[in-house]
PDB file of all heavy atoms in Angstrom:
ATOM      1  N   MET A   1     116.560  85.699 134.868  1.00  0.00           N
ATOM      2  CA  MET A   1     117.781  86.410 135.161  1.00  0.00           C
ATOM      3  C   MET A   1     117.671  87.858 134.688  1.00  0.00           C
ATOM      4  O   MET A   1     116.980  88.149 133.727  1.00  0.00           O
ATOM      5  CB  MET A   1     118.970  85.760 134.483  1.00  0.00           C
ATOM      6  CG  MET A   1     119.342  84.417 135.014  1.00  0.00           C
ATOM      7  SD  MET A   1     120.933  83.963 134.305  1.00  0.00           S
ATOM      8  CE  MET A   1     121.385  82.776 135.505  1.00  0.00           C
ATOM      9  N   LYS A   2     118.403  88.713 135.352  1.00  0.00           N
ATOM     10  CA  LYS A   2     118.374  90.129 135.026  1.00  0.00           C
ATOM     11  C   LYS A   2     118.944  90.365 133.633  1.00  0.00           C
ATOM     12  O   LYS A   2     119.967  89.820 133.259  1.00  0.00           O
ATOM     13  CB  LYS A   2     119.185  90.902 136.063  1.00  0.00           C
ATOM     14  CG  LYS A   2     119.061  92.384 135.910  1.00  0.00           C
ATOM     15  CD  LYS A   2     119.790  93.116 137.003  1.00  0.00           C
ATOM     16  CE  LYS A   2     119.567  94.604 136.834  1.00  0.00           C
ATOM     17  NZ  LYS A   2     120.204  95.372 137.879  1.00  0.00           N
ATOM     18  N   GLY A   3     118.250  91.188 132.848  1.00  0.00           N
ATOM     19  CA  GLY A   3     118.715  91.533 131.523  1.00  0.00           C
ATOM     20  C   GLY A   3     118.280  90.588 130.423  1.00  0.00           C
ATOM     21  O   GLY A   3     118.465  90.874 129.264  1.00  0.00           O
ATOM     22  N   GLU A   4     117.703  89.439 130.768  1.00  0.00           N
ATOM     23  CA  GLU A   4     117.252  88.503 129.741  1.00  0.00           C
ATOM     24  C   GLU A   4     115.915  88.946 129.187  1.00  0.00           C
ATOM     25  O   GLU A   4     115.061  89.445 129.909  1.00  0.00           O
ATOM     26  CB  GLU A   4     117.131  87.084 130.307  1.00  0.00           C
ATOM     27  CG  GLU A   4     118.458  86.448 130.600  1.00  0.00           C
ATOM     28  CD  GLU A   4     118.310  85.006 131.037  1.00  0.00           C
ATOM     29  OE1 GLU A   4     117.221  84.621 131.497  1.00  0.00           O
ATOM     30  OE2 GLU A   4     119.288  84.271 130.916  1.00  0.00           O
ATOM     31  N   GLN A   5     115.742  88.747 127.895  1.00  0.00           N
ATOM     32  CA  GLN A   5     114.496  89.096 127.234  1.00  0.00           C
ATOM     33  C   GLN A   5     113.653  87.844 127.049  1.00  0.00           C
ATOM     34  O   GLN A   5     114.168  86.759 126.801  1.00  0.00           O
ATOM     35  CB  GLN A   5     114.767  89.712 125.870  1.00  0.00           C
ATOM     36  CG  GLN A   5     115.483  91.032 125.917  1.00  0.00           C
ATOM     37  CD  GLN A   5     115.735  91.549 124.501  1.00  0.00           C
ATOM     38  OE1 GLN A   5     116.026  90.791 123.596  1.00  0.00           O
ATOM     39  NE2 GLN A   5     115.610  92.855 124.347  1.00  0.00           N
ATOM     40  N   ILE A   6     112.351  88.008 127.150  1.00  0.00           N
ATOM     41  CA  ILE A   6     111.425  86.913 126.881  1.00  0.00           C
ATOM     42  C   ILE A   6     111.373  86.711 125.371  1.00  0.00           C
ATOM     43  O   ILE A   6     111.251  87.658 124.604  1.00  0.00           O
ATOM     44  CB  ILE A   6     110.016  87.221 127.425  1.00  0.00           C
ATOM     45  CG1 ILE A   6     110.072  87.508 128.923  1.00  0.00           C
ATOM     46  CG2 ILE A   6     109.043  86.103 127.096  1.00  0.00           C
ATOM     47  CD1 ILE A   6     110.554  86.346 129.766  1.00  0.00           C
ATOM     48  N   ALA A   7     111.458  85.463 124.939  1.00  0.00           N
ATOM     49  CA  ALA A   7     111.446  85.148 123.506  1.00  0.00           C
ATOM     50  C   ALA A   7     110.031  85.192 122.947  1.00  0.00           C
ATOM     51  O   ALA A   7     109.070  84.863 123.636  1.00  0.00           O
ATOM     52  CB  ALA A   7     112.041  83.768 123.273  1.00  0.00           C
ATOM     53  N   ASN A   8     109.928  85.585 121.706  1.00  0.00           N
ATOM     54  CA  ASN A   8     108.691  85.464 120.953  1.00  0.00           C
ATOM     55  C   ASN A   8     108.696  84.044 120.389  1.00  0.00           C
ATOM     56  O   ASN A   8     109.481  83.738 119.485  1.00  0.00           O
ATOM     57  CB  ASN A   8     108.640  86.501 119.839  1.00  0.00           C
ATOM     58  CG  ASN A   8     107.420  86.355 118.953  1.00  0.00           C
ATOM     59  OD1 ASN A   8     106.682  85.386 119.029  1.00  0.00           O
ATOM     60  ND2 ASN A   8     107.222  87.323 118.091  1.00  0.00           N
ATOM     61  N   ILE A   9     107.833  83.176 120.911  1.00  0.00           N
ATOM     62  CA  ILE A   9     107.880  81.769 120.500  1.00  0.00           C
ATOM     63  C   ILE A   9     107.488  81.566 119.046  1.00  0.00           C
ATOM     64  O   ILE A   9     107.700  80.492 118.495  1.00  0.00           O
ATOM     65  CB  ILE A   9     107.009  80.874 121.407  1.00  0.00           C
ATOM     66  CG1 ILE A   9     105.532  81.251 121.302  1.00  0.00           C
ATOM     67  CG2 ILE A   9     107.513  80.902 122.844  1.00  0.00           C
ATOM     68  CD1 ILE A   9     104.594  80.218 121.871  1.00  0.00           C
ATOM     69  N   ASN A  10     106.924  82.578 118.390  1.00  0.00           N
ATOM     70  CA  ASN A  10     106.534  82.460 116.988  1.00  0.00           C
ATOM     71  C   ASN A  10     107.584  82.996 116.025  1.00  0.00           C
ATOM     72  O   ASN A  10     107.386  82.961 114.815  1.00  0.00           O
ATOM     73  CB  ASN A  10     105.206  83.182 116.750  1.00  0.00           C
ATOM     74  CG  ASN A  10     104.077  82.473 117.450  1.00  0.00           C
ATOM     75  OD1 ASN A  10     103.992  81.255 117.441  1.00  0.00           O
ATOM     76  ND2 ASN A  10     103.221  83.239 118.089  1.00  0.00           N
ATOM     77  N   ASN A  11     108.701  83.479 116.538  1.00  0.00           N
ATOM     78  CA  ASN A  11     109.746  84.017 115.680  1.00  0.00           C
ATOM     79  C   ASN A  11     110.652  82.872 115.228  1.00  0.00           C
ATOM     80  O   ASN A  11     111.385  82.296 116.028  1.00  0.00           O
ATOM     81  CB  ASN A  11     110.542  85.089 116.412  1.00  0.00           C
ATOM     82  CG  ASN A  11     111.374  85.919 115.477  1.00  0.00           C
ATOM     83  OD1 ASN A  11     111.410  85.689 114.280  1.00  0.00           O
ATOM     84  ND2 ASN A  11     112.069  86.888 116.043  1.00  0.00           N
ATOM     85  N   THR A  12     110.576  82.544 113.938  1.00  0.00           N
ATOM     86  CA  THR A  12     111.346  81.432 113.373  1.00  0.00           C
ATOM     87  C   THR A  12     112.125  81.897 112.158  1.00  0.00           C
ATOM     88  O   THR A  12     111.815  82.923 111.556  1.00  0.00           O
ATOM     89  CB  THR A  12     110.421  80.278 112.932  1.00  0.00           C
ATOM     90  OG1 THR A  12     109.584  80.745 111.879  1.00  0.00           O
ATOM     91  CG2 THR A  12     109.570  79.773 114.080  1.00  0.00           C
ATOM     92  N   LYS A  13     113.127  81.121 111.793  1.00  0.00           N
ATOM     93  CA  LYS A  13     113.890  81.422 110.580  1.00  0.00           C
ATOM     94  C   LYS A  13     114.464  80.116 110.040  1.00  0.00           C
ATOM     95  O   LYS A  13     114.908  79.268 110.794  1.00  0.00           O
ATOM     96  CB  LYS A  13     115.014  82.396 110.859  1.00  0.00           C
ATOM     97  CG  LYS A  13     115.741  82.781 109.584  1.00  0.00           C
ATOM     98  CD  LYS A  13     116.345  84.157 109.570  1.00  0.00           C
ATOM     99  CE  LYS A  13     115.404  85.253 109.801  1.00  0.00           C
ATOM    100  NZ  LYS A  13     115.424  86.380 108.956  1.00  0.00           N
ATOM    101  N   VAL A  14     114.449  79.976 108.712  1.00  0.00           N
ATOM    102  CA  VAL A  14     115.080  78.846 108.038  1.00  0.00           C
ATOM    103  C   VAL A  14     116.389  79.348 107.440  1.00  0.00           C
ATOM    104  O   VAL A  14     116.417  80.363 106.748  1.00  0.00           O
ATOM    105  CB  VAL A  14     114.168  78.268 106.937  1.00  0.00           C
ATOM    106  CG1 VAL A  14     114.891  77.185 106.150  1.00  0.00           C
ATOM    107  CG2 VAL A  14     112.886  77.722 107.545  1.00  0.00           C
ATOM    108  N   VAL A  15     117.478  78.630 107.733  1.00  0.00           N
ATOM    109  CA  VAL A  15     118.808  79.025 107.276  1.00  0.00           C
ATOM    110  C   VAL A  15     119.434  77.848 106.526  1.00  0.00           C
ATOM    111  O   VAL A  15     119.467  76.737 107.049  1.00  0.00           O
ATOM    112  CB  VAL A  15     119.706  79.417 108.470  1.00  0.00           C
ATOM    113  CG1 VAL A  15     121.105  79.754 108.014  1.00  0.00           C
ATOM    114  CG2 VAL A  15     119.096  80.574 109.244  1.00  0.00           C
ATOM    115  N   GLU A  16     119.936  78.094 105.311  1.00  0.00           N
ATOM    116  CA  GLU A  16     120.616  77.061 104.537  1.00  0.00           C
ATOM    117  C   GLU A  16     122.059  76.984 104.986  1.00  0.00           C
ATOM    118  O   GLU A  16     122.751  78.006 105.073  1.00  0.00           O
ATOM    119  CB  GLU A  16     120.533  77.376 103.046  1.00  0.00           C
ATOM    120  CG  GLU A  16     120.981  76.241 102.142  1.00  0.00           C
ATOM    121  CD  GLU A  16     122.477  76.170 101.912  1.00  0.00           C
ATOM    122  OE1 GLU A  16     123.161  77.204 101.988  1.00  0.00           O
ATOM    123  OE2 GLU A  16     122.965  75.052 101.678  1.00  0.00           O
ATOM    124  N   ALA A  17     122.520  75.780 105.294  1.00  0.00           N
ATOM    125  CA  ALA A  17     123.899  75.591 105.726  1.00  0.00           C
ATOM    126  C   ALA A  17     124.372  74.199 105.338  1.00  0.00           C
ATOM    127  O   ALA A  17     123.735  73.204 105.699  1.00  0.00           O
ATOM    128  CB  ALA A  17     124.019  75.784 107.234  1.00  0.00           C
ATOM    129  N   HIS A  18     125.445  74.122 104.581  1.00  0.00           N
ATOM    130  CA  HIS A  18     126.061  72.845 104.212  1.00  0.00           C
ATOM    131  C   HIS A  18     125.087  71.888 103.547  1.00  0.00           C
ATOM    132  O   HIS A  18     125.094  70.686 103.811  1.00  0.00           O
ATOM    133  CB  HIS A  18     126.711  72.191 105.431  1.00  0.00           C
ATOM    134  CG  HIS A  18     127.705  73.064 106.116  1.00  0.00           C
ATOM    135  ND1 HIS A  18     128.927  73.387 105.560  1.00  0.00           N
ATOM    136  CD2 HIS A  18     127.657  73.735 107.286  1.00  0.00           C
ATOM    137  CE1 HIS A  18     129.586  74.186 106.362  1.00  0.00           C
ATOM    138  NE2 HIS A  18     128.843  74.422 107.426  1.00  0.00           N
ATOM    139  N   GLY A  19     124.227  72.400 102.695  1.00  0.00           N
ATOM    140  CA  GLY A  19     123.304  71.552 101.955  1.00  0.00           C
ATOM    141  C   GLY A  19     122.047  71.158 102.703  1.00  0.00           C
ATOM    142  O   GLY A  19     121.240  70.382 102.191  1.00  0.00           O
ATOM    143  N   TYR A  20     121.866  71.660 103.904  1.00  0.00           N
ATOM    144  CA  TYR A  20     120.661  71.391 104.690  1.00  0.00           C
ATOM    145  C   TYR A  20     119.982  72.705 105.039  1.00  0.00           C
ATOM    146  O   TYR A  20     120.596  73.764 104.984  1.00  0.00           O
ATOM    147  CB  TYR A  20     121.004  70.635 105.987  1.00  0.00           C
ATOM    148  CG  TYR A  20     121.360  69.197 105.741  1.00  0.00           C
ATOM    149  CD1 TYR A  20     122.665  68.820 105.455  1.00  0.00           C
ATOM    150  CD2 TYR A  20     120.385  68.209 105.797  1.00  0.00           C
ATOM    151  CE1 TYR A  20     122.993  67.499 105.215  1.00  0.00           C
ATOM    152  CE2 TYR A  20     120.702  66.885 105.564  1.00  0.00           C
ATOM    153  CZ  TYR A  20     122.015  66.535 105.269  1.00  0.00           C
ATOM    154  OH  TYR A  20     122.323  65.225 105.030  1.00  0.00           O
ATOM    155  N   TYR A  21     118.724  72.605 105.426  1.00  0.00           N
ATOM    156  CA  TYR A  21     117.945  73.779 105.815  1.00  0.00           C
ATOM    157  C   TYR A  21     117.581  73.636 107.288  1.00  0.00           C
ATOM    158  O   TYR A  21     116.826  72.741 107.662  1.00  0.00           O
ATOM    159  CB  TYR A  21     116.704  73.913 104.931  1.00  0.00           C
ATOM    160  CG  TYR A  21     117.103  74.183 103.505  1.00  0.00           C
ATOM    161  CD1 TYR A  21     117.380  73.142 102.635  1.00  0.00           C
ATOM    162  CD2 TYR A  21     117.250  75.486 103.051  1.00  0.00           C
ATOM    163  CE1 TYR A  21     117.786  73.397 101.333  1.00  0.00           C
ATOM    164  CE2 TYR A  21     117.658  75.751 101.759  1.00  0.00           C
ATOM    165  CZ  TYR A  21     117.925  74.695 100.896  1.00  0.00           C
ATOM    166  OH  TYR A  21     118.329  74.952  99.622  1.00  0.00           O
ATOM    167  N   ASP A  22     118.184  74.477 108.098  1.00  0.00           N
ATOM    168  CA  ASP A  22     118.006  74.425 109.543  1.00  0.00           C
ATOM    169  C   ASP A  22     116.909  75.376 109.982  1.00  0.00           C
ATOM    170  O   ASP A  22     116.829  76.509 109.490  1.00  0.00           O
ATOM    171  CB  ASP A  22     119.304  74.800 110.265  1.00  0.00           C
ATOM    172  CG  ASP A  22     120.433  73.833 109.968  1.00  0.00           C
ATOM    173  OD1 ASP A  22     120.152  72.644 109.704  1.00  0.00           O
ATOM    174  OD2 ASP A  22     121.602  74.263 110.011  1.00  0.00           O
ATOM    175  N   VAL A  23     116.092  74.940 110.922  1.00  0.00           N
ATOM    176  CA  VAL A  23     115.024  75.760 111.475  1.00  0.00           C
ATOM    177  C   VAL A  23     115.478  76.257 112.846  1.00  0.00           C
ATOM    178  O   VAL A  23     115.804  75.457 113.726  1.00  0.00           O
ATOM    179  CB  VAL A  23     113.704  74.971 111.611  1.00  0.00           C
ATOM    180  CG1 VAL A  23     112.618  75.839 112.238  1.00  0.00           C
ATOM    181  CG2 VAL A  23     113.262  74.416 110.259  1.00  0.00           C
ATOM    182  N   TYR A  24     115.513  77.567 112.990  1.00  0.00           N
ATOM    183  CA  TYR A  24     115.876  78.201 114.253  1.00  0.00           C
ATOM    184  C   TYR A  24     114.651  78.866 114.854  1.00  0.00           C
ATOM    185  O   TYR A  24     113.788  79.367 114.144  1.00  0.00           O
ATOM    186  CB  TYR A  24     116.944  79.282 114.040  1.00  0.00           C
ATOM    187  CG  TYR A  24     118.303  78.736 113.723  1.00  0.00           C
ATOM    188  CD1 TYR A  24     118.681  78.511 112.413  1.00  0.00           C
ATOM    189  CD2 TYR A  24     119.210  78.461 114.738  1.00  0.00           C
ATOM    190  CE1 TYR A  24     119.939  78.004 112.111  1.00  0.00           C
ATOM    191  CE2 TYR A  24     120.468  77.958 114.449  1.00  0.00           C
ATOM    192  CZ  TYR A  24     120.815  77.731 113.129  1.00  0.00           C
ATOM    193  OH  TYR A  24     122.056  77.238 112.837  1.00  0.00           O
TER     194      TYR A  24
END
């Protein structure tokens, strides 16, 4: 689609939320 960016598949982040660690 127009305006969408291709993702960097190696870009990750761990976020702590409600006592768990989520991987995005």
